[in-house]
Amino acid sequence: MRRVILRRQPPRRCPANTTVTIVRNVQHGECQRNHAINAGGFAVDGCMEFFPSGAEGTAGALICGACGCHKNFHRREIHIHVTCNCASENG
């Protein structure tokens, strides 16, 4: 069973109504491909991070150089950094 948890966050506002910068970094973690599906079992290969086998923009960029699996088999991790460009309220 796979469970997906979605969290919705309210929009962030800067106290001084200035520019808020949101940076999203997407990384792909460990490989989740089940290599024993035909035998009715569960076994992963142990690849801990996606490493592209080719340059960006080529077909090799979607294949992991460590395990040979497609990028979609690796766990997707999204890191969101919010930065407020407002001046200090003390000064």
Protein backbone atom coordinates (compact mmCIF):
# COMPACT_ATOMS: atom_id res chain seq x y z
CA MET A 1 0.00 0.00 0.00
CA ARG A 2 1.32 3.40 -0.93
CA ARG A 3 0.18 6.45 0.99
CA VAL A 4 0.61 9.98 -0.33
CA ILE A 5 0.29 12.88 2.08
CA LEU A 6 -0.31 16.32 0.62
CA ARG A 7 0.16 19.36 2.80
CA ARG A 8 -1.20 22.67 1.70
CA GLN A 9 0.44 25.73 3.14
CA PRO A 10 -1.10 29.19 3.14
CA PRO A 11 0.69 31.77 0.98
CA ARG A 12 3.51 33.44 2.84
CA ARG A 13 3.41 37.20 3.20
CA CYS A 14 6.19 39.53 4.14
CA PRO A 15 5.30 41.94 6.99
CA ALA A 16 6.51 44.94 4.94
CA ASN A 17 4.71 43.78 1.73
CA THR A 18 8.00 43.50 -0.14
CA THR A 19 9.25 40.83 -2.49
CA VAL A 20 9.11 37.23 -1.31
CA THR A 21 11.37 34.81 -3.19
CA ILE A 22 10.39 31.14 -3.36
CA VAL A 23 13.02 28.68 -4.58
CA ARG A 24 12.08 25.06 -5.22
CA ASN A 25 14.86 22.47 -5.54
CA VAL A 26 13.92 19.01 -6.77
CA GLN A 27 16.20 16.08 -5.98
CA HIS A 28 15.71 12.40 -6.60
CA GLY A 29 16.64 10.08 -3.74
CA GLU A 30 16.78 6.32 -3.39
CA CYS A 31 15.52 3.96 -6.08
CA GLN A 32 12.12 2.39 -5.34
CA ARG A 33 11.99 -0.06 -8.27
CA ASN A 34 10.84 -3.54 -7.25
CA HIS A 35 13.20 -5.96 -9.01
CA ALA A 36 11.41 -9.08 -7.68
CA ILE A 37 7.88 -8.26 -8.86
CA ASN A 38 7.78 -11.22 -11.28
CA ALA A 39 8.57 -13.64 -8.45
CA GLY A 40 5.94 -12.10 -6.16
CA GLY A 41 8.48 -10.59 -3.79
CA PHE A 42 9.95 -7.20 -3.02
CA ALA A 43 13.60 -6.32 -3.54
CA VAL A 44 15.24 -2.98 -4.30
CA ASP A 45 18.77 -2.58 -5.65
CA GLY A 46 20.08 -0.24 -2.95
CA CYS A 47 20.77 2.76 -5.18
CA MET A 48 20.61 5.71 -2.78
CA GLU A 49 20.53 8.68 -5.17
CA PHE A 50 19.74 9.41 -8.79
CA PHE A 51 22.86 10.07 -10.85
CA PRO A 52 22.16 10.93 -14.53
CA SER A 53 24.13 8.89 -17.04
CA GLY A 54 24.12 11.60 -19.72
CA ALA A 55 24.13 15.34 -20.23
CA GLU A 56 20.98 17.37 -19.59
CA GLY A 57 18.72 17.45 -22.63
CA THR A 58 19.70 13.96 -23.81
CA ALA A 59 17.92 10.64 -23.27
CA GLY A 60 20.71 9.60 -20.89
CA ALA A 61 19.72 12.36 -18.47
CA LEU A 62 16.61 10.33 -17.55
CA ILE A 63 18.50 7.10 -16.81
CA CYS A 64 20.39 6.57 -13.54
CA GLY A 65 24.07 5.86 -14.08
CA ALA A 66 24.28 3.86 -10.82
CA CYS A 67 21.36 1.43 -11.20
CA GLY A 68 20.14 1.85 -14.80
CA CYS A 69 16.56 2.70 -13.78
CA HIS A 70 14.46 5.57 -15.14
CA LYS A 71 14.32 8.77 -13.10
CA ASN A 72 10.66 8.13 -12.19
CA PHE A 73 11.65 5.11 -10.05
CA HIS A 74 13.61 7.35 -7.69
CA ARG A 75 11.91 9.06 -4.75
CA ARG A 76 11.24 12.71 -5.55
CA GLU A 77 12.17 15.19 -2.83
CA ILE A 78 11.11 18.83 -3.09
CA HIS A 79 12.91 21.40 -0.95
CA ILE A 80 11.23 24.81 -0.71
CA HIS A 81 13.14 27.86 0.52
CA VAL A 82 11.22 31.10 1.17
CA THR A 83 13.19 34.33 1.52
CA CYS A 84 11.77 37.73 2.43
CA ASN A 85 13.73 40.65 1.00
CA CYS A 86 12.50 43.18 3.53
CA ALA A 87 14.63 45.44 5.71
CA SER A 88 14.95 44.84 9.43
CA GLU A 89 12.11 46.38 11.45
CA ASN A 90 14.54 47.43 14.21
CA GLY A 91 16.65 49.72 12.11
